[in-house]
N, C-alpha and C. Protein backbone atom coordinates (compact mmCIF):
# COMPACT_ATOMS: atom_id res chain seq x y z
N ASP A 1 -15.32 -18.18 -5.21
CA ASP A 1 -15.33 -19.43 -5.94
C ASP A 1 -16.65 -19.60 -6.68
N VAL A 2 -16.59 -20.20 -7.83
CA VAL A 2 -17.75 -20.39 -8.69
C VAL A 2 -17.83 -21.86 -9.06
N ASN A 3 -19.03 -22.40 -9.11
CA ASN A 3 -19.22 -23.77 -9.55
C ASN A 3 -19.93 -23.74 -10.89
N ILE A 4 -19.18 -24.08 -11.95
CA ILE A 4 -19.73 -24.06 -13.29
C ILE A 4 -19.57 -25.44 -13.90
N SER A 5 -20.65 -26.16 -14.08
CA SER A 5 -20.66 -27.47 -14.75
C SER A 5 -19.47 -28.34 -14.38
N GLY A 6 -19.34 -28.65 -13.12
CA GLY A 6 -18.30 -29.56 -12.68
C GLY A 6 -16.98 -28.91 -12.31
N ILE A 7 -16.81 -27.62 -12.61
CA ILE A 7 -15.60 -26.92 -12.20
C ILE A 7 -15.84 -26.41 -10.79
N SER A 8 -15.01 -26.82 -9.86
CA SER A 8 -15.27 -26.46 -8.46
C SER A 8 -14.85 -25.04 -8.11
N SER A 9 -13.82 -24.49 -8.77
CA SER A 9 -13.48 -23.10 -8.49
C SER A 9 -12.77 -22.48 -9.68
N VAL A 10 -13.00 -21.22 -9.84
CA VAL A 10 -12.35 -20.44 -10.88
C VAL A 10 -11.68 -19.27 -10.19
N THR A 11 -10.40 -19.11 -10.41
CA THR A 11 -9.71 -18.02 -9.74
C THR A 11 -9.25 -16.94 -10.71
N ASP A 12 -9.17 -17.25 -12.02
CA ASP A 12 -8.67 -16.28 -12.98
C ASP A 12 -9.34 -16.52 -14.33
N THR A 13 -10.08 -15.53 -14.79
CA THR A 13 -10.69 -15.60 -16.11
C THR A 13 -10.20 -14.42 -16.92
N ARG A 14 -9.71 -14.70 -18.11
CA ARG A 14 -9.21 -13.63 -18.97
C ARG A 14 -9.92 -13.70 -20.31
N ILE A 15 -10.48 -12.58 -20.71
CA ILE A 15 -11.17 -12.49 -21.99
C ILE A 15 -10.32 -11.62 -22.90
N ASN A 16 -9.99 -12.14 -24.07
CA ASN A 16 -9.15 -11.39 -24.99
C ASN A 16 -9.92 -10.29 -25.72
N SER A 17 -11.12 -10.59 -26.16
CA SER A 17 -11.92 -9.62 -26.90
C SER A 17 -13.38 -9.86 -26.60
N ILE A 18 -14.16 -8.81 -26.69
CA ILE A 18 -15.60 -8.94 -26.50
C ILE A 18 -16.29 -7.89 -27.37
N SER A 19 -17.46 -8.22 -27.85
CA SER A 19 -18.26 -7.25 -28.59
C SER A 19 -19.72 -7.48 -28.24
N GLU A 20 -20.55 -6.49 -28.51
CA GLU A 20 -21.97 -6.63 -28.27
C GLU A 20 -22.72 -6.43 -29.58
N LYS A 21 -23.81 -7.15 -29.69
CA LYS A 21 -24.67 -6.99 -30.86
C LYS A 21 -25.45 -5.69 -30.72
N SER A 22 -25.63 -5.00 -31.83
CA SER A 22 -26.44 -3.78 -31.80
C SER A 22 -27.61 -3.92 -32.76
N THR A 23 -28.63 -3.13 -32.49
CA THR A 23 -29.83 -3.10 -33.32
C THR A 23 -29.86 -1.75 -34.03
N LEU A 24 -29.95 -1.77 -35.35
CA LEU A 24 -29.97 -0.55 -36.15
C LEU A 24 -31.42 -0.19 -36.46
N VAL A 25 -31.79 1.07 -36.18
CA VAL A 25 -33.17 1.50 -36.33
C VAL A 25 -33.22 2.82 -37.08
N ALA A 26 -34.11 2.92 -38.05
CA ALA A 26 -34.38 4.19 -38.71
C ALA A 26 -35.66 4.74 -38.09
N GLY A 27 -35.59 5.91 -37.50
CA GLY A 27 -36.76 6.48 -36.87
C GLY A 27 -36.56 6.68 -35.38
N SER A 28 -37.65 6.81 -34.65
CA SER A 28 -37.59 7.20 -33.25
C SER A 28 -38.10 6.17 -32.26
N VAL A 29 -38.48 5.00 -32.73
CA VAL A 29 -38.94 3.95 -31.83
C VAL A 29 -37.98 2.77 -31.93
N VAL A 30 -37.39 2.43 -30.79
CA VAL A 30 -36.42 1.34 -30.73
C VAL A 30 -37.05 0.18 -29.98
N ASN A 31 -37.10 -0.98 -30.63
CA ASN A 31 -37.62 -2.20 -30.00
C ASN A 31 -36.49 -3.21 -29.86
N ILE A 32 -36.23 -3.62 -28.63
CA ILE A 32 -35.23 -4.64 -28.34
C ILE A 32 -35.93 -5.78 -27.62
N VAL A 33 -35.74 -7.00 -28.11
CA VAL A 33 -36.28 -8.18 -27.43
C VAL A 33 -35.11 -8.81 -26.67
N TYR A 34 -35.10 -8.62 -25.37
CA TYR A 34 -33.98 -9.00 -24.52
C TYR A 34 -33.65 -10.49 -24.60
N ASN A 35 -34.66 -11.33 -24.50
CA ASN A 35 -34.41 -12.79 -24.45
C ASN A 35 -34.26 -13.42 -25.83
N LYS A 36 -34.22 -12.63 -26.88
CA LYS A 36 -34.01 -13.15 -28.24
C LYS A 36 -32.64 -12.77 -28.79
N GLY A 37 -31.80 -12.14 -27.96
CA GLY A 37 -30.45 -11.82 -28.39
C GLY A 37 -30.33 -10.59 -29.26
N ASP A 38 -31.24 -9.62 -29.11
CA ASP A 38 -31.16 -8.40 -29.91
C ASP A 38 -30.02 -7.48 -29.48
N GLY A 39 -29.36 -7.81 -28.39
CA GLY A 39 -28.27 -6.97 -27.89
C GLY A 39 -28.79 -5.89 -26.98
N ASN A 40 -27.86 -5.13 -26.42
CA ASN A 40 -28.22 -4.07 -25.47
C ASN A 40 -27.92 -2.69 -26.03
N ILE A 41 -27.55 -2.62 -27.31
CA ILE A 41 -27.20 -1.35 -27.92
C ILE A 41 -28.08 -1.12 -29.15
N ALA A 42 -28.65 0.07 -29.23
CA ALA A 42 -29.44 0.43 -30.41
C ALA A 42 -28.84 1.69 -31.03
N ILE A 43 -28.88 1.74 -32.35
CA ILE A 43 -28.39 2.90 -33.07
C ILE A 43 -29.54 3.45 -33.91
N CYS A 44 -29.97 4.68 -33.59
CA CYS A 44 -31.02 5.36 -34.35
C CYS A 44 -30.34 6.22 -35.40
N THR A 45 -30.55 5.87 -36.67
CA THR A 45 -29.83 6.56 -37.74
C THR A 45 -30.43 7.91 -38.12
N ASN A 46 -31.70 8.13 -37.84
CA ASN A 46 -32.31 9.42 -38.20
C ASN A 46 -33.58 9.64 -37.37
N PRO A 47 -33.42 9.93 -36.07
CA PRO A 47 -34.63 10.15 -35.28
C PRO A 47 -35.46 11.30 -35.84
N THR A 48 -36.76 11.10 -35.84
CA THR A 48 -37.67 12.10 -36.39
C THR A 48 -38.52 12.76 -35.30
N GLY A 49 -38.24 12.43 -34.05
CA GLY A 49 -38.96 12.98 -32.91
C GLY A 49 -38.35 12.41 -31.65
N PRO A 50 -38.94 12.74 -30.48
CA PRO A 50 -38.43 12.17 -29.24
C PRO A 50 -38.33 10.64 -29.35
N ILE A 51 -37.26 10.09 -28.81
CA ILE A 51 -36.95 8.67 -28.98
C ILE A 51 -37.54 7.85 -27.84
N THR A 52 -38.10 6.70 -28.20
CA THR A 52 -38.65 5.75 -27.24
C THR A 52 -37.85 4.46 -27.30
N LEU A 53 -37.40 3.98 -26.14
CA LEU A 53 -36.74 2.69 -26.03
C LEU A 53 -37.73 1.71 -25.41
N ASN A 54 -38.05 0.65 -26.16
CA ASN A 54 -39.01 -0.36 -25.72
C ASN A 54 -38.31 -1.71 -25.66
N VAL A 55 -38.08 -2.20 -24.43
CA VAL A 55 -37.40 -3.48 -24.23
C VAL A 55 -38.42 -4.48 -23.73
N THR A 56 -38.58 -5.58 -24.47
CA THR A 56 -39.48 -6.66 -24.06
C THR A 56 -38.65 -7.93 -23.86
N GLY A 57 -39.29 -8.96 -23.35
CA GLY A 57 -38.62 -10.24 -23.17
C GLY A 57 -37.68 -10.28 -21.98
N ILE A 58 -37.83 -9.36 -21.04
CA ILE A 58 -37.03 -9.38 -19.82
C ILE A 58 -37.60 -10.47 -18.91
N PRO A 59 -36.78 -11.42 -18.47
CA PRO A 59 -37.30 -12.51 -17.63
C PRO A 59 -37.97 -11.99 -16.35
N THR A 60 -39.04 -12.67 -15.95
CA THR A 60 -39.76 -12.29 -14.74
C THR A 60 -39.86 -13.45 -13.75
N ASP A 61 -38.99 -14.45 -13.90
CA ASP A 61 -39.00 -15.55 -12.94
C ASP A 61 -37.88 -15.34 -11.92
N SER A 62 -37.91 -16.12 -10.85
CA SER A 62 -36.98 -15.92 -9.73
C SER A 62 -35.51 -16.13 -10.11
N SER A 63 -35.23 -16.82 -11.21
CA SER A 63 -33.84 -16.99 -11.62
C SER A 63 -33.22 -15.66 -12.08
N PHE A 64 -34.05 -14.65 -12.31
CA PHE A 64 -33.58 -13.34 -12.75
C PHE A 64 -33.62 -12.31 -11.62
N ASP A 65 -33.89 -12.75 -10.39
CA ASP A 65 -33.89 -11.85 -9.23
C ASP A 65 -32.53 -11.18 -9.09
N ASN A 66 -32.54 -9.96 -8.57
CA ASN A 66 -31.32 -9.21 -8.25
C ASN A 66 -30.42 -8.97 -9.45
N ARG A 67 -31.00 -8.73 -10.61
CA ARG A 67 -30.22 -8.43 -11.82
C ARG A 67 -30.30 -6.94 -12.13
N THR A 68 -29.25 -6.44 -12.74
CA THR A 68 -29.19 -5.07 -13.24
C THR A 68 -29.07 -5.14 -14.75
N LEU A 69 -29.82 -4.31 -15.44
CA LEU A 69 -29.80 -4.27 -16.90
C LEU A 69 -29.15 -2.98 -17.37
N THR A 70 -28.45 -3.04 -18.49
CA THR A 70 -27.89 -1.83 -19.08
C THR A 70 -28.24 -1.78 -20.56
N PHE A 71 -28.56 -0.59 -21.04
CA PHE A 71 -28.88 -0.38 -22.44
C PHE A 71 -28.24 0.92 -22.89
N THR A 72 -27.78 0.94 -24.13
CA THR A 72 -27.20 2.14 -24.72
C THR A 72 -27.94 2.43 -26.01
N LEU A 73 -28.29 3.69 -26.19
CA LEU A 73 -28.96 4.13 -27.39
C LEU A 73 -28.11 5.24 -28.01
N VAL A 74 -27.65 5.03 -29.22
CA VAL A 74 -26.86 6.04 -29.94
C VAL A 74 -27.78 6.68 -30.97
N ALA A 75 -27.90 7.99 -30.88
CA ALA A 75 -28.73 8.73 -31.84
C ALA A 75 -27.81 9.48 -32.80
N ILE A 76 -27.95 9.18 -34.09
CA ILE A 76 -27.23 9.92 -35.11
C ILE A 76 -28.18 11.03 -35.54
N GLN A 77 -27.97 12.20 -34.96
CA GLN A 77 -28.91 13.31 -35.09
C GLN A 77 -28.75 14.01 -36.44
N THR A 78 -29.87 14.54 -36.91
CA THR A 78 -29.87 15.35 -38.13
C THR A 78 -29.95 16.83 -37.71
N SER A 79 -30.64 17.65 -38.45
CA SER A 79 -30.67 19.09 -38.16
C SER A 79 -31.39 19.43 -36.86
N VAL A 80 -32.15 18.49 -36.30
CA VAL A 80 -32.79 18.68 -35.01
C VAL A 80 -32.36 17.51 -34.12
N GLY A 81 -31.91 17.83 -32.91
CA GLY A 81 -31.50 16.78 -31.98
C GLY A 81 -32.65 16.37 -31.07
N TYR A 82 -32.85 15.05 -30.94
CA TYR A 82 -33.92 14.53 -30.10
C TYR A 82 -33.35 13.68 -28.97
N ALA A 83 -33.98 13.74 -27.82
CA ALA A 83 -33.56 12.95 -26.67
C ALA A 83 -34.40 11.68 -26.56
N CYS A 84 -33.88 10.72 -25.83
CA CYS A 84 -34.67 9.54 -25.47
C CYS A 84 -35.49 9.93 -24.25
N THR A 85 -36.78 10.07 -24.45
CA THR A 85 -37.66 10.58 -23.40
C THR A 85 -38.55 9.52 -22.77
N GLU A 86 -38.59 8.32 -23.39
CA GLU A 86 -39.44 7.26 -22.85
C GLU A 86 -38.70 5.93 -22.88
N VAL A 87 -38.81 5.20 -21.77
CA VAL A 87 -38.27 3.85 -21.68
C VAL A 87 -39.38 2.94 -21.15
N TYR A 88 -39.61 1.84 -21.86
CA TYR A 88 -40.57 0.83 -21.44
C TYR A 88 -39.83 -0.47 -21.22
N LEU A 89 -40.07 -1.12 -20.09
CA LEU A 89 -39.51 -2.44 -19.81
C LEU A 89 -40.68 -3.42 -19.72
N ASN A 90 -40.74 -4.36 -20.65
CA ASN A 90 -41.87 -5.31 -20.73
C ASN A 90 -43.21 -4.58 -20.76
N GLY A 91 -43.26 -3.45 -21.46
CA GLY A 91 -44.51 -2.71 -21.61
C GLY A 91 -44.82 -1.75 -20.47
N VAL A 92 -43.99 -1.73 -19.42
CA VAL A 92 -44.22 -0.85 -18.28
C VAL A 92 -43.43 0.45 -18.48
N SER A 93 -44.13 1.57 -18.50
CA SER A 93 -43.48 2.87 -18.65
C SER A 93 -42.63 3.16 -17.42
N GLN A 94 -41.40 3.59 -17.66
CA GLN A 94 -40.46 3.87 -16.58
C GLN A 94 -40.18 5.36 -16.51
N ILE A 95 -39.96 5.87 -15.31
CA ILE A 95 -39.50 7.24 -15.14
C ILE A 95 -37.99 7.21 -15.26
N ILE A 96 -37.44 7.99 -16.19
CA ILE A 96 -35.99 8.05 -16.35
C ILE A 96 -35.46 9.07 -15.35
N LYS A 97 -34.58 8.61 -14.48
CA LYS A 97 -33.97 9.49 -13.48
C LYS A 97 -32.62 9.98 -14.02
N TYR A 98 -32.57 11.26 -14.42
CA TYR A 98 -31.35 11.86 -14.92
C TYR A 98 -30.65 12.61 -13.78
N PRO A 99 -29.34 12.81 -13.85
CA PRO A 99 -28.61 13.51 -12.78
C PRO A 99 -29.23 14.88 -12.50
N GLY A 100 -29.44 15.15 -11.23
CA GLY A 100 -30.00 16.42 -10.82
C GLY A 100 -31.44 16.62 -11.24
N GLY A 101 -32.08 15.57 -11.77
CA GLY A 101 -33.47 15.68 -12.22
C GLY A 101 -33.62 16.46 -13.51
N VAL A 102 -32.49 16.74 -14.18
CA VAL A 102 -32.53 17.51 -15.42
C VAL A 102 -32.67 16.55 -16.59
N VAL A 103 -33.76 16.66 -17.31
CA VAL A 103 -34.03 15.79 -18.46
C VAL A 103 -33.01 16.08 -19.55
N SER A 104 -32.51 15.05 -20.15
CA SER A 104 -31.49 15.22 -21.18
C SER A 104 -32.08 15.83 -22.45
N VAL A 105 -31.20 16.35 -23.27
CA VAL A 105 -31.59 16.90 -24.57
C VAL A 105 -30.67 16.34 -25.63
N GLY A 106 -31.10 16.39 -26.87
CA GLY A 106 -30.27 15.96 -27.99
C GLY A 106 -29.62 17.16 -28.65
N SER A 107 -28.54 16.91 -29.36
CA SER A 107 -27.81 17.98 -30.05
C SER A 107 -27.92 17.79 -31.55
N ALA A 108 -28.17 18.87 -32.27
CA ALA A 108 -28.33 18.81 -33.73
C ALA A 108 -27.02 18.42 -34.41
N ASP A 109 -27.15 17.69 -35.52
CA ASP A 109 -26.02 17.32 -36.37
C ASP A 109 -24.87 16.71 -35.58
N SER A 110 -25.18 15.73 -34.75
CA SER A 110 -24.16 15.12 -33.91
C SER A 110 -24.53 13.68 -33.60
N TYR A 111 -23.68 13.05 -32.82
CA TYR A 111 -23.97 11.74 -32.25
C TYR A 111 -24.22 11.96 -30.76
N ASP A 112 -25.31 11.44 -30.25
CA ASP A 112 -25.61 11.50 -28.82
C ASP A 112 -25.74 10.07 -28.30
N ILE A 113 -25.19 9.83 -27.12
CA ILE A 113 -25.22 8.49 -26.53
C ILE A 113 -26.02 8.56 -25.24
N PHE A 114 -27.13 7.82 -25.19
CA PHE A 114 -27.97 7.75 -24.01
C PHE A 114 -27.73 6.39 -23.34
N ASN A 115 -27.24 6.42 -22.11
CA ASN A 115 -26.96 5.19 -21.36
C ASN A 115 -27.99 5.03 -20.26
N PHE A 116 -28.51 3.82 -20.13
CA PHE A 116 -29.51 3.52 -19.11
C PHE A 116 -29.05 2.34 -18.27
N THR A 117 -29.06 2.53 -16.96
CA THR A 117 -28.80 1.45 -16.02
C THR A 117 -30.11 1.21 -15.28
N CYS A 118 -30.61 0.00 -15.38
CA CYS A 118 -31.90 -0.36 -14.78
C CYS A 118 -31.61 -1.24 -13.58
N ILE A 119 -31.77 -0.67 -12.38
CA ILE A 119 -31.46 -1.43 -11.17
C ILE A 119 -32.74 -1.94 -10.54
N ASN A 120 -32.71 -3.18 -10.10
CA ASN A 120 -33.86 -3.78 -9.44
C ASN A 120 -33.78 -3.39 -7.97
N ILE A 121 -34.61 -2.43 -7.56
CA ILE A 121 -34.53 -1.88 -6.21
C ILE A 121 -35.25 -2.73 -5.16
N VAL A 122 -35.94 -3.79 -5.60
CA VAL A 122 -36.65 -4.69 -4.70
C VAL A 122 -35.95 -6.04 -4.64
N GLY A 123 -35.36 -6.46 -5.74
CA GLY A 123 -34.69 -7.75 -5.82
C GLY A 123 -35.48 -8.76 -6.62
N SER A 124 -36.79 -8.70 -6.55
CA SER A 124 -37.65 -9.66 -7.25
C SER A 124 -37.81 -9.26 -8.71
N ALA A 125 -37.65 -10.25 -9.59
CA ALA A 125 -37.82 -10.00 -11.03
C ALA A 125 -39.27 -10.20 -11.48
N SER A 126 -40.19 -10.39 -10.55
CA SER A 126 -41.57 -10.74 -10.89
C SER A 126 -42.26 -9.69 -11.76
N THR A 127 -41.80 -8.44 -11.70
CA THR A 127 -42.37 -7.38 -12.52
C THR A 127 -41.30 -6.33 -12.80
N THR A 128 -41.36 -5.71 -13.96
CA THR A 128 -40.39 -4.66 -14.27
C THR A 128 -40.73 -3.35 -13.54
N ASP A 129 -41.86 -3.32 -12.80
CA ASP A 129 -42.14 -2.18 -11.92
C ASP A 129 -41.06 -2.05 -10.86
N ASN A 130 -40.31 -3.13 -10.61
CA ASN A 130 -39.28 -3.14 -9.57
C ASN A 130 -37.98 -2.48 -9.99
N TYR A 131 -37.89 -2.01 -11.23
CA TYR A 131 -36.66 -1.40 -11.72
C TYR A 131 -36.72 0.12 -11.64
N ALA A 132 -35.60 0.72 -11.25
CA ALA A 132 -35.40 2.16 -11.37
C ALA A 132 -34.47 2.36 -12.56
N VAL A 133 -34.82 3.29 -13.43
CA VAL A 133 -34.03 3.53 -14.64
C VAL A 133 -33.23 4.82 -14.47
N LEU A 134 -31.91 4.67 -14.45
CA LEU A 134 -31.02 5.82 -14.30
C LEU A 134 -30.45 6.14 -15.67
N GLY A 135 -30.57 7.38 -16.10
CA GLY A 135 -30.16 7.77 -17.43
C GLY A 135 -29.02 8.77 -17.43
N MET A 136 -28.19 8.68 -18.46
CA MET A 136 -27.07 9.61 -18.62
C MET A 136 -26.89 9.84 -20.11
N VAL A 137 -26.62 11.08 -20.48
CA VAL A 137 -26.36 11.37 -21.89
C VAL A 137 -24.94 11.90 -22.04
N ASN A 138 -24.25 11.37 -23.02
CA ASN A 138 -22.96 11.91 -23.45
C ASN A 138 -23.21 12.34 -24.88
N GLY A 139 -23.13 13.62 -25.13
CA GLY A 139 -23.58 14.04 -26.43
C GLY A 139 -22.74 15.09 -27.12
N ASN A 140 -23.29 15.47 -28.27
CA ASN A 140 -22.74 16.49 -29.12
C ASN A 140 -21.39 16.09 -29.70
N PHE A 141 -21.26 14.78 -30.04
CA PHE A 141 -20.05 14.31 -30.72
C PHE A 141 -20.15 14.73 -32.17
N LYS A 142 -19.18 15.45 -32.67
CA LYS A 142 -19.21 15.95 -34.04
C LYS A 142 -18.00 15.49 -34.79
C-alpha cells in the first residue's frame, strides 16, 4: 500500500506509454545534471577519444537514501570505437565494475550502448562515494 497525497492505497497502476529525455553530445565528454531534468540517457554522436560520463546534481540529503541510479550512454562510433572509461558522480571518480573485471571496448563504425547501474551499497546518500557503479556494454550494432 502507498500513501500519495490523500490516497490511502493503490493496488493497480497502469502506464500506457513512457519515454525518457536524452542529452545529445558531440565529442567525448558527457555532462548530465541529474536534478535539472537532463534525463538519464546520453547520445554521443562522434566520440573523439575515451568517453567520460559526468553526472552532477545527485541529491545528498537523507530523502535520497537507499536509491539506485541508472544511466545509459549510446556512442555513435566512427572509424575508431571508444569505450566509456570514466564515470564521475557529483565530481567523485568511480571505478566501473564490468562483468568478470574485463573493461569494455568500443566497436568501429557502429552503435555501442553502455549501461550503468549505480547502487548505494551503504544506504546513505550523504556522498556519492557510497555508490558502486556496475557497467555493461551492448555493442557493435551496425
